[in-house]
Protein backbone atom coordinates (compact mmCIF):
# COMPACT_ATOMS: atom_id res chain seq x y z
CA UNK A 1 1.93 -40.44 14.97
CA UNK A 2 3.93 -42.26 12.28
CA UNK A 3 6.71 -39.67 12.46
CA UNK A 4 6.91 -39.81 16.25
CA UNK A 5 7.10 -43.61 16.31
CA UNK A 6 9.65 -43.70 13.49
CA UNK A 7 11.94 -41.25 15.29
CA UNK A 8 11.55 -43.09 18.59
CA UNK A 9 12.45 -46.39 16.90
CA UNK A 10 15.48 -44.76 15.24
CA UNK A 11 17.01 -43.14 18.33
CA UNK A 12 19.62 -45.79 19.00
CA UNK A 13 20.45 -46.36 15.33
CA UNK A 14 21.15 -42.69 14.60
CA UNK A 15 22.23 -41.62 18.07
CA UNK A 16 19.61 -38.91 18.46
CA UNK A 17 17.38 -37.72 21.27
CA UNK A 18 13.69 -37.16 20.57
CA UNK A 19 11.11 -34.88 22.17
CA UNK A 20 7.50 -34.44 21.11
CA UNK A 21 5.86 -31.01 20.82
CA UNK A 22 2.14 -30.48 20.20
CA UNK A 23 0.26 -27.20 19.71
CA UNK A 24 -3.49 -27.03 20.34
CA UNK A 25 -4.91 -24.37 17.99
CA UNK A 26 -8.28 -23.99 19.68
CA UNK A 27 -10.12 -24.47 16.39
CA UNK A 28 -11.95 -27.78 16.86
CA UNK A 29 -13.37 -27.57 20.37
CA UNK A 30 -13.20 -30.65 22.56
CA UNK A 31 -11.75 -32.82 19.78
CA UNK A 32 -8.69 -30.58 19.64
CA UNK A 33 -8.24 -30.76 23.42
CA UNK A 34 -8.52 -34.55 23.29
CA UNK A 35 -5.89 -34.67 20.53
CA UNK A 36 -3.44 -32.84 22.79
CA UNK A 37 -4.13 -35.23 25.68
CA UNK A 38 -3.69 -38.21 23.36
CA UNK A 39 -0.26 -37.01 22.18
CA UNK A 40 0.83 -36.28 25.75
CA UNK A 41 -0.17 -39.79 26.84
CA UNK A 42 1.55 -41.33 23.80
CA UNK A 43 4.78 -39.54 24.77
CA UNK A 44 4.66 -40.56 28.42
CA UNK A 45 3.99 -44.21 27.56
CA UNK A 46 7.24 -44.21 25.57
CA UNK A 47 9.27 -42.18 28.09
CA UNK A 48 9.69 -39.33 25.62
CA UNK A 49 9.80 -35.74 26.79
CA UNK A 50 6.63 -33.83 25.87
CA UNK A 51 5.96 -30.13 25.61
CA UNK A 52 2.51 -28.76 24.82
CA UNK A 53 1.12 -25.36 23.96
CA UNK A 54 -2.14 -23.73 22.97
CA UNK A 55 -3.45 -20.47 21.60
CA UNK A 56 -6.45 -18.63 20.17
CA UNK A 57 -5.72 -18.77 16.45
CA UNK A 58 -8.95 -17.06 15.38
CA UNK A 59 -8.25 -14.10 17.65
CA UNK A 60 -4.72 -13.81 16.27
CA UNK A 61 -6.02 -14.03 12.68
CA UNK A 62 -8.55 -11.25 13.31
CA UNK A 63 -5.98 -9.02 15.00
CA UNK A 64 -3.44 -9.46 12.18
CA UNK A 65 -6.09 -9.43 9.40
CA UNK A 66 -4.85 -12.71 7.95
CA UNK A 67 -6.51 -16.04 7.16
CA UNK A 68 -7.03 -18.60 9.91
CA UNK A 69 -4.81 -21.03 7.97
CA UNK A 70 -1.95 -18.51 7.84
CA UNK A 71 -2.42 -17.56 11.48
CA UNK A 72 -2.36 -21.22 12.54
CA UNK A 73 0.92 -21.78 10.71
CA UNK A 74 2.55 -18.71 12.28
CA UNK A 75 1.59 -19.48 15.88
CA UNK A 76 2.39 -23.19 15.45
CA UNK A 77 5.89 -22.56 14.14
CA UNK A 78 6.56 -19.89 16.75
CA UNK A 79 5.62 -22.47 19.37
CA UNK A 80 7.87 -25.09 17.74
CA UNK A 81 10.74 -22.60 17.64
CA UNK A 82 10.30 -21.81 21.33
CA UNK A 83 10.03 -25.53 22.17
CA UNK A 84 13.19 -26.29 20.20
CA UNK A 85 15.09 -23.58 22.05
CA UNK A 86 13.69 -24.58 25.45
CA UNK A 87 14.64 -28.24 24.91
CA UNK A 88 17.95 -27.33 23.23
CA UNK A 89 17.08 -29.36 20.14
CA UNK A 90 19.01 -29.13 16.87
CA UNK A 91 16.01 -29.39 14.54
CA UNK A 92 12.24 -29.44 14.21
CA UNK A 93 10.85 -32.52 12.43
CA UNK A 94 7.46 -32.18 10.75
CA UNK A 95 5.24 -34.94 9.37
CA UNK A 96 4.65 -33.59 5.85
CA UNK A 97 4.33 -36.45 3.36
CA UNK A 98 4.11 -36.79 -0.44
CA UNK A 99 0.35 -36.22 -0.54
CA UNK A 100 0.78 -32.95 1.41
CA UNK A 101 3.43 -31.92 -1.10
CA UNK A 102 1.17 -32.59 -4.08
CA UNK A 103 -1.77 -30.75 -2.49
CA UNK A 104 0.36 -27.68 -1.78
CA UNK A 105 1.77 -27.54 -5.31
CA UNK A 106 -1.70 -27.84 -6.87
CA UNK A 107 -3.16 -25.21 -4.53
CA UNK A 108 -0.40 -22.74 -5.38
CA UNK A 109 -0.75 -23.48 -9.10
CA UNK A 110 -4.48 -22.69 -8.95
CA UNK A 111 -3.69 -19.42 -7.17
CA UNK A 112 -1.30 -18.35 -9.92
CA UNK A 113 2.08 -19.00 -8.32
CA UNK A 114 5.30 -18.58 -10.28
CA UNK A 115 8.01 -21.24 -10.54
CA UNK A 116 9.41 -20.20 -7.16
CA UNK A 117 5.98 -20.63 -5.57
CA UNK A 118 5.61 -24.09 -7.10
CA UNK A 119 8.90 -25.29 -5.65
CA UNK A 120 8.55 -28.41 -3.55
CA UNK A 121 9.24 -28.54 0.16
CA UNK A 122 12.72 -29.89 0.83
CA UNK A 123 13.89 -32.58 3.21
CA UNK A 124 15.94 -29.94 5.06
CA UNK A 125 15.23 -26.22 5.21
CA UNK A 126 16.94 -23.53 7.27
CA UNK A 127 14.28 -21.04 8.42
CA UNK A 128 13.76 -18.24 10.93
CA UNK A 129 12.40 -20.93 13.26
CA UNK A 130 15.51 -23.09 12.97
CA UNK A 131 16.35 -26.16 10.91
CA UNK A 132 13.19 -27.89 9.65
CA UNK A 133 13.51 -31.55 8.60
CA UNK A 134 10.78 -33.53 6.84
CA UNK A 135 11.68 -37.24 7.01
CA UNK A 136 8.37 -38.43 5.51
CA UNK A 137 8.32 -36.36 2.31
CA UNK A 138 9.05 -39.35 0.07
CA UNK A 139 6.23 -41.47 1.50
CA UNK A 140 2.58 -41.62 0.47
CA UNK A 141 -0.12 -41.30 3.09
CA UNK A 142 -1.20 -44.90 2.43
CA UNK A 143 2.33 -46.11 3.24
CA UNK A 144 2.28 -44.26 6.55
CA UNK A 145 -1.13 -45.67 7.41
CA UNK A 146 0.24 -49.16 6.71
CA UNK A 147 3.21 -48.42 9.00
CA UNK A 148 0.82 -47.40 11.79
CA UNK A 149 -1.13 -50.64 11.43
CA UNK A 150 2.06 -52.71 11.64
CA UNK A 151 3.00 -50.84 14.82
CA UNK A 152 -0.51 -51.24 16.27
CA UNK A 153 -0.94 -47.47 16.37
CA UNK A 154 -4.35 -45.83 16.23
CA UNK A 155 -3.76 -42.19 15.28
CA UNK A 156 -6.35 -39.53 16.01
CA UNK A 157 -8.20 -38.43 12.89
CA UNK A 158 -9.13 -34.81 12.20
CA UNK A 159 -12.73 -35.05 10.96
CA UNK A 160 -12.53 -31.59 9.35
CA UNK A 161 -10.06 -32.98 6.80
CA UNK A 162 -12.95 -34.86 5.20
CA UNK A 163 -15.26 -31.87 4.74
CA UNK A 164 -14.98 -30.43 1.20
CA UNK A 165 -15.18 -26.78 2.22
CA UNK A 166 -11.68 -25.29 2.28
CA UNK A 167 -9.62 -25.22 -0.93
CA UNK A 168 -7.04 -27.71 0.32
CA UNK A 169 -9.73 -30.17 1.34
CA UNK A 170 -11.42 -29.98 -2.06
CA UNK A 171 -8.07 -30.55 -3.75
CA UNK A 172 -7.46 -33.62 -1.56
CA UNK A 173 -10.97 -35.06 -1.76
CA UNK A 174 -12.06 -34.09 -5.28
CA UNK A 175 -9.35 -32.74 -7.58
CA UNK A 176 -6.52 -35.23 -7.00
CA UNK A 177 -8.81 -38.29 -7.27
CA UNK A 178 -10.16 -36.85 -10.54
CA UNK A 179 -6.63 -36.29 -11.89
CA UNK A 180 -5.68 -39.84 -10.92
CA UNK A 181 -8.25 -41.13 -13.42
CA UNK A 182 -5.98 -39.60 -16.11
CA UNK A 183 -2.69 -40.47 -14.41
CA UNK A 184 -2.62 -42.87 -11.43
CA UNK A 185 0.81 -41.44 -10.51
CA UNK A 186 -0.51 -37.87 -10.18
CA UNK A 187 0.95 -37.35 -6.70
CA UNK A 188 4.39 -38.65 -7.72
CA UNK A 189 4.29 -36.52 -10.90
CA UNK A 190 3.43 -33.36 -8.96
CA UNK A 191 6.18 -34.03 -6.41
CA UNK A 192 8.72 -34.54 -9.20
CA UNK A 193 7.59 -31.31 -10.87
CA UNK A 194 7.97 -29.46 -7.56
CA UNK A 195 11.49 -30.83 -7.09
CA UNK A 196 12.52 -29.64 -10.57
CA UNK A 197 10.95 -26.23 -9.91
CA UNK A 198 12.94 -26.00 -6.67
CA UNK A 199 16.21 -26.80 -8.47
CA UNK A 200 15.52 -24.21 -11.17
CA UNK A 201 14.58 -21.61 -8.57
CA UNK A 202 17.83 -22.28 -6.69
CA UNK A 203 19.79 -21.75 -9.92
CA UNK A 204 18.00 -18.47 -10.68
CA UNK A 205 18.62 -17.30 -7.10
CA UNK A 206 22.34 -18.06 -7.48
CA UNK A 207 22.54 -16.08 -10.72
CA UNK A 208 20.57 -13.22 -9.20
CA UNK A 209 22.98 -13.05 -6.28
CA UNK A 210 25.89 -12.69 -8.72
CA UNK A 211 24.42 -9.90 -10.85
CA UNK A 212 22.58 -7.97 -8.14
CA UNK A 213 25.44 -5.60 -7.21
CA UNK A 214 25.76 -4.45 -10.83
CA UNK A 215 22.02 -3.95 -11.35
CA UNK A 216 21.09 -2.40 -8.00
CA UNK A 217 23.25 0.56 -7.05
CA UNK A 218 22.68 2.87 -4.07
CA UNK A 219 19.14 1.66 -3.44
CA UNK A 220 17.93 1.83 -7.04
CA UNK A 221 17.61 -0.50 -10.04
CA UNK A 222 19.75 0.78 -12.90
CA UNK A 223 17.60 0.52 -16.03
CA UNK A 224 20.52 0.27 -18.47
CA UNK A 225 21.77 -2.87 -16.70
CA UNK A 226 18.32 -4.31 -16.02
CA UNK A 227 17.15 -4.41 -19.64
CA UNK A 228 20.15 -6.58 -20.58
CA UNK A 229 18.87 -9.44 -18.41
CA UNK A 230 16.75 -12.47 -19.32
CA UNK A 231 13.11 -12.02 -18.26
CA UNK A 232 13.45 -14.70 -15.55
CA UNK A 233 16.36 -12.82 -14.00
CA UNK A 234 14.53 -9.51 -14.33
CA UNK A 235 11.67 -10.79 -12.18
CA UNK A 236 14.09 -12.34 -9.70
CA UNK A 237 16.02 -9.06 -9.40
CA UNK A 238 12.79 -7.14 -8.71
CA UNK A 239 11.77 -9.59 -5.96
CA UNK A 240 15.22 -9.43 -4.37
CA UNK A 241 15.16 -5.63 -4.67
CA UNK A 242 11.84 -5.48 -2.79
CA UNK A 243 13.27 -7.69 -0.03
CA UNK A 244 16.39 -5.49 0.03
CA UNK A 245 14.36 -2.27 0.35
CA UNK A 246 11.31 -3.16 2.47
CA UNK A 247 12.30 -6.49 4.03
CA UNK A 248 9.85 -8.80 2.24
CA UNK A 249 8.24 -9.51 -1.13
CA UNK A 250 5.46 -11.77 0.16
CA UNK A 251 2.68 -9.21 -0.49
CA UNK A 252 3.72 -8.74 -4.11
CA UNK A 253 2.24 -11.12 -6.68
CA UNK A 254 3.15 -11.77 -10.30
CA UNK A 255 1.10 -8.77 -11.52
CA UNK A 256 2.99 -6.41 -9.21
CA UNK A 257 6.41 -7.78 -10.14
CA UNK A 258 5.58 -7.65 -13.83
CA UNK A 259 4.18 -4.15 -13.43
CA UNK A 260 7.55 -2.95 -12.14
CA UNK A 261 9.27 -4.87 -14.94
CA UNK A 262 7.14 -3.11 -17.58
CA UNK A 263 8.02 0.27 -16.09
CA UNK A 264 11.71 -0.52 -16.54
CA UNK A 265 11.40 -2.10 -20.00
CA UNK A 266 9.15 0.63 -21.44
CA UNK A 267 10.76 3.56 -19.62
CA UNK A 268 7.51 4.55 -17.91
CA UNK A 269 7.19 6.95 -14.98
CA UNK A 270 6.13 4.42 -12.36
CA UNK A 271 3.45 2.12 -10.95
CA UNK A 272 1.40 1.83 -7.75
CA UNK A 273 2.22 -1.12 -5.46
CA UNK A 274 0.62 -2.74 -2.39
CA UNK A 275 1.22 -1.40 1.13
CA UNK A 276 0.91 2.21 -0.13
CA UNK A 277 4.17 1.96 -2.04
CA UNK A 278 5.11 3.18 -5.50
CA UNK A 279 7.89 2.29 -7.93
CA UNK A 280 9.26 5.46 -9.57
CA UNK A 281 11.63 5.60 -12.55
CA UNK A 282 13.63 8.82 -12.89
CA UNK A 283 16.81 9.40 -14.89
CA UNK A 284 17.21 5.68 -15.54
CA UNK A 285 16.98 4.66 -11.86
CA UNK A 286 13.98 2.93 -10.27
CA UNK A 287 13.27 3.44 -6.58
CA UNK A 288 10.53 2.38 -4.16
CA UNK A 289 8.83 5.22 -2.29
CA UNK A 290 5.95 5.65 0.17
CA UNK A 291 2.79 6.80 -1.59
CA UNK A 292 0.89 8.64 1.15
């Protein structure tokens, strides 16, 4: 609500056109349906073009064997991409704020993410869905609530956000308040950490791009070149190699990446990987093969 009103108020100042898109995930029954109707009415009252969509997220999650949270994100962003293309928009604006940023960083930290995984969301990101902009990233949730009060807005509230069941909810409701007893600026500190992690990840990615052609030759990692690298670059090369060979590294965690690294450093024969794959080292060259 705050994002929509802010963009509407800024149209003349920045010379932009605004449309509002809302996806109903089918996860919260009648409350979810009422949310969609509320957003549609909000748009019409302000003469802003509205496009709505809906889907069965649980069915999609079951079919793809992924979590409901992951499924919701996929179908939502596919809808936003389609809406952007249909309306001929230049970008998708999302309402992520500083508290969202801090929650995400903490959640990934608890799940064992590397520096790349702890990188903060950026104000602008080019993705497969198009340009994503996040105008509210620097603002705390309390600031946005204050903005809504000044504008006489009464946003819909998702009651499930206040149930300490899912990991993210427990982080928001229990962990962050506990951390704030040690450091009242916990959210700001986490956001700053994420920004530094993003900068360092960008630098490592740049260096990896430079050295990759010398380390990966004809679809294989050359051990003699690999062992010369700093450990941070070694892991980055392995991740980029996986993307280069199979199209993605998202199913490979730190243990898998480090397993491949140990094969190369210790001149071992190979290691089993997810998705029925195997890393094999022969004659100083490591390749990825199907392990059927």
